[in-house]
Amino acid sequence: MSEELVAILTTMDHAKAQLLATLLTSSGIVAEVVASQTTGWGINVVKAVGQVDVVVSKSDEEDARALMAEIDSGALALDEDSKPPAE
């Protein structure tokens, strides 16, 4: 990302940050999870402890926030009867 980046979410929930970044990316918005205030233990730490940011390009901020609002509203939730597609 060479454009100015903006944080659209700051959280200590690393799984939530990764999920949001994945949803944004699958919707065509390039998103990354970056450490904002983290501490780790050693070189091979799988997950750091502390805050992370989900960042997007400034030009994608409005679309990213709109998708976040849609997620937060529950509009993208699966019905109780929803089943994964058969393979």
C-alpha atoms as a PDB file:
ATOM      1  CA  MET A   1       0.000   0.000   0.000  1.00  0.00           C
ATOM      2  CA  SER A   2       1.635   3.204  -1.132  1.00  0.00           C
ATOM      3  CA  GLU A   3      -1.308   5.476  -0.313  1.00  0.00           C
ATOM      4  CA  GLU A   4      -1.906   7.059   3.059  1.00  0.00           C
ATOM      5  CA  LEU A   5      -3.232   4.405   5.428  1.00  0.00           C
ATOM      6  CA  VAL A   6      -6.004   4.878   7.955  1.00  0.00           C
ATOM      7  CA  ALA A   7      -6.906   2.641  10.868  1.00  0.00           C
ATOM      8  CA  ILE A   8     -10.552   1.653  10.719  1.00  0.00           C
ATOM      9  CA  LEU A   9     -10.378  -0.617  13.761  1.00  0.00           C
ATOM     10  CA  THR A  10      -8.086  -0.766  16.771  1.00  0.00           C
ATOM     11  CA  THR A  11      -8.567  -3.803  18.956  1.00  0.00           C
ATOM     12  CA  MET A  12      -6.855  -6.287  21.235  1.00  0.00           C
ATOM     13  CA  ASP A  13      -8.893  -9.065  19.592  1.00  0.00           C
ATOM     14  CA  HIS A  14      -6.452 -10.366  16.985  1.00  0.00           C
ATOM     15  CA  ALA A  15      -8.956 -12.863  15.572  1.00  0.00           C
ATOM     16  CA  LYS A  16     -11.548 -10.122  15.018  1.00  0.00           C
ATOM     17  CA  ALA A  17      -8.941  -7.977  13.264  1.00  0.00           C
ATOM     18  CA  GLN A  18      -7.898 -10.844  10.974  1.00  0.00           C
ATOM     19  CA  LEU A  19     -11.510 -11.715  10.185  1.00  0.00           C
ATOM     20  CA  LEU A  20     -12.344  -8.098   9.312  1.00  0.00           C
ATOM     21  CA  ALA A  21      -9.246  -7.788   7.111  1.00  0.00           C
ATOM     22  CA  THR A  22     -10.213 -11.002   5.318  1.00  0.00           C
ATOM     23  CA  LEU A  23     -13.803  -9.829   4.769  1.00  0.00           C
ATOM     24  CA  LEU A  24     -12.600  -6.479   3.452  1.00  0.00           C
ATOM     25  CA  THR A  25     -10.087  -8.120   1.133  1.00  0.00           C
ATOM     26  CA  SER A  26     -12.698 -10.553  -0.188  1.00  0.00           C
ATOM     27  CA  SER A  27     -14.846  -7.504  -0.972  1.00  0.00           C
ATOM     28  CA  GLY A  28     -12.066  -5.922  -3.017  1.00  0.00           C
ATOM     29  CA  ILE A  29     -10.685  -3.604  -0.330  1.00  0.00           C
ATOM     30  CA  VAL A  30      -7.014  -4.180   0.441  1.00  0.00           C
ATOM     31  CA  ALA A  31      -6.678  -4.358   4.228  1.00  0.00           C
ATOM     32  CA  GLU A  32      -3.841  -5.260   6.557  1.00  0.00           C
ATOM     33  CA  VAL A  33      -3.531  -6.028  10.252  1.00  0.00           C
ATOM     34  CA  VAL A  34      -0.630  -4.131  11.766  1.00  0.00           C
ATOM     35  CA  ALA A  35       0.701  -3.891  15.291  1.00  0.00           C
ATOM     36  CA  SER A  36      -0.205  -0.658  17.013  1.00  0.00           C
ATOM     37  CA  GLN A  37       1.015  -1.446  20.514  1.00  0.00           C
ATOM     38  CA  THR A  38       2.207  -5.016  20.810  1.00  0.00           C
ATOM     39  CA  THR A  39       4.656  -6.985  22.840  1.00  0.00           C
ATOM     40  CA  GLY A  40       5.878 -10.430  21.917  1.00  0.00           C
ATOM     41  CA  TRP A  41       8.015 -13.174  23.387  1.00  0.00           C
ATOM     42  CA  GLY A  42      10.922 -14.178  21.174  1.00  0.00           C
ATOM     43  CA  ILE A  43      11.319 -14.463  17.419  1.00  0.00           C
ATOM     44  CA  ASN A  44       8.796 -17.187  16.662  1.00  0.00           C
ATOM     45  CA  VAL A  45       5.788 -15.650  18.359  1.00  0.00           C
ATOM     46  CA  VAL A  46       2.638 -16.631  16.510  1.00  0.00           C
ATOM     47  CA  LYS A  47       0.502 -13.963  18.124  1.00  0.00           C
ATOM     48  CA  ALA A  48       1.652 -10.824  19.833  1.00  0.00           C
ATOM     49  CA  VAL A  49      -0.068  -9.386  22.871  1.00  0.00           C
ATOM     50  CA  GLY A  50      -1.530  -5.920  22.615  1.00  0.00           C
ATOM     51  CA  GLN A  51      -3.444  -3.728  20.235  1.00  0.00           C
ATOM     52  CA  VAL A  52      -3.556  -4.181  16.494  1.00  0.00           C
ATOM     53  CA  ASP A  53      -5.005  -1.942  13.802  1.00  0.00           C
ATOM     54  CA  VAL A  54      -6.859  -2.906  10.656  1.00  0.00           C
ATOM     55  CA  VAL A  55      -5.682  -0.405   8.063  1.00  0.00           C
ATOM     56  CA  VAL A  56      -6.913   0.453   4.584  1.00  0.00           C
ATOM     57  CA  SER A  57      -5.973   3.069   2.010  1.00  0.00           C
ATOM     58  CA  LYS A  58      -7.512   6.487   2.642  1.00  0.00           C
ATOM     59  CA  SER A  59      -9.370   6.137  -0.680  1.00  0.00           C
ATOM     60  CA  ASP A  60     -11.055   2.917   0.569  1.00  0.00           C
ATOM     61  CA  GLU A  61     -11.940   4.218   4.031  1.00  0.00           C
ATOM     62  CA  GLU A  62     -15.572   5.099   3.262  1.00  0.00           C
ATOM     63  CA  ASP A  63     -16.298   1.726   1.643  1.00  0.00           C
ATOM     64  CA  ALA A  64     -14.516  -0.125   4.452  1.00  0.00           C
ATOM     65  CA  ARG A  65     -16.484   1.685   7.140  1.00  0.00           C
ATOM     66  CA  ALA A  66     -19.729   1.006   5.256  1.00  0.00           C
ATOM     67  CA  LEU A  67     -18.925  -2.716   5.175  1.00  0.00           C
ATOM     68  CA  MET A  68     -18.056  -2.625   8.894  1.00  0.00           C
ATOM     69  CA  ALA A  69     -21.432  -1.005   9.615  1.00  0.00           C
ATOM     70  CA  GLU A  70     -23.159  -3.716   7.600  1.00  0.00           C
ATOM     71  CA  ILE A  71     -21.296  -6.393   9.556  1.00  0.00           C
ATOM     72  CA  ASP A  72     -22.102  -4.737  12.897  1.00  0.00           C
ATOM     73  CA  SER A  73     -25.799  -4.448  11.987  1.00  0.00           C
ATOM     74  CA  GLY A  74     -26.010  -8.209  11.507  1.00  0.00           C
ATOM     75  CA  ALA A  75     -27.023  -7.837   7.870  1.00  0.00           C
ATOM     76  CA  LEU A  76     -24.379 -10.359   6.817  1.00  0.00           C
ATOM     77  CA  ALA A  77     -25.271 -12.948   9.464  1.00  0.00           C
ATOM     78  CA  LEU A  78     -26.247 -16.413   8.320  1.00  0.00           C
ATOM     79  CA  ASP A  79     -29.714 -17.707   9.032  1.00  0.00           C
ATOM     80  CA  GLU A  80     -30.005 -20.427  11.645  1.00  0.00           C
ATOM     81  CA  ASP A  81     -31.012 -22.802   8.852  1.00  0.00           C
ATOM     82  CA  SER A  82     -28.011 -21.928   6.673  1.00  0.00           C
ATOM     83  CA  LYS A  83     -25.726 -24.792   5.839  1.00  0.00           C
ATOM     84  CA  PRO A  84     -22.348 -24.744   4.110  1.00  0.00           C
ATOM     85  CA  PRO A  85     -22.459 -25.647   0.422  1.00  0.00           C
ATOM     86  CA  ALA A  86     -22.137 -29.346  -0.365  1.00  0.00           C
ATOM     87  CA  GLU A  87     -18.763 -30.313  -1.778  1.00  0.00           C
END
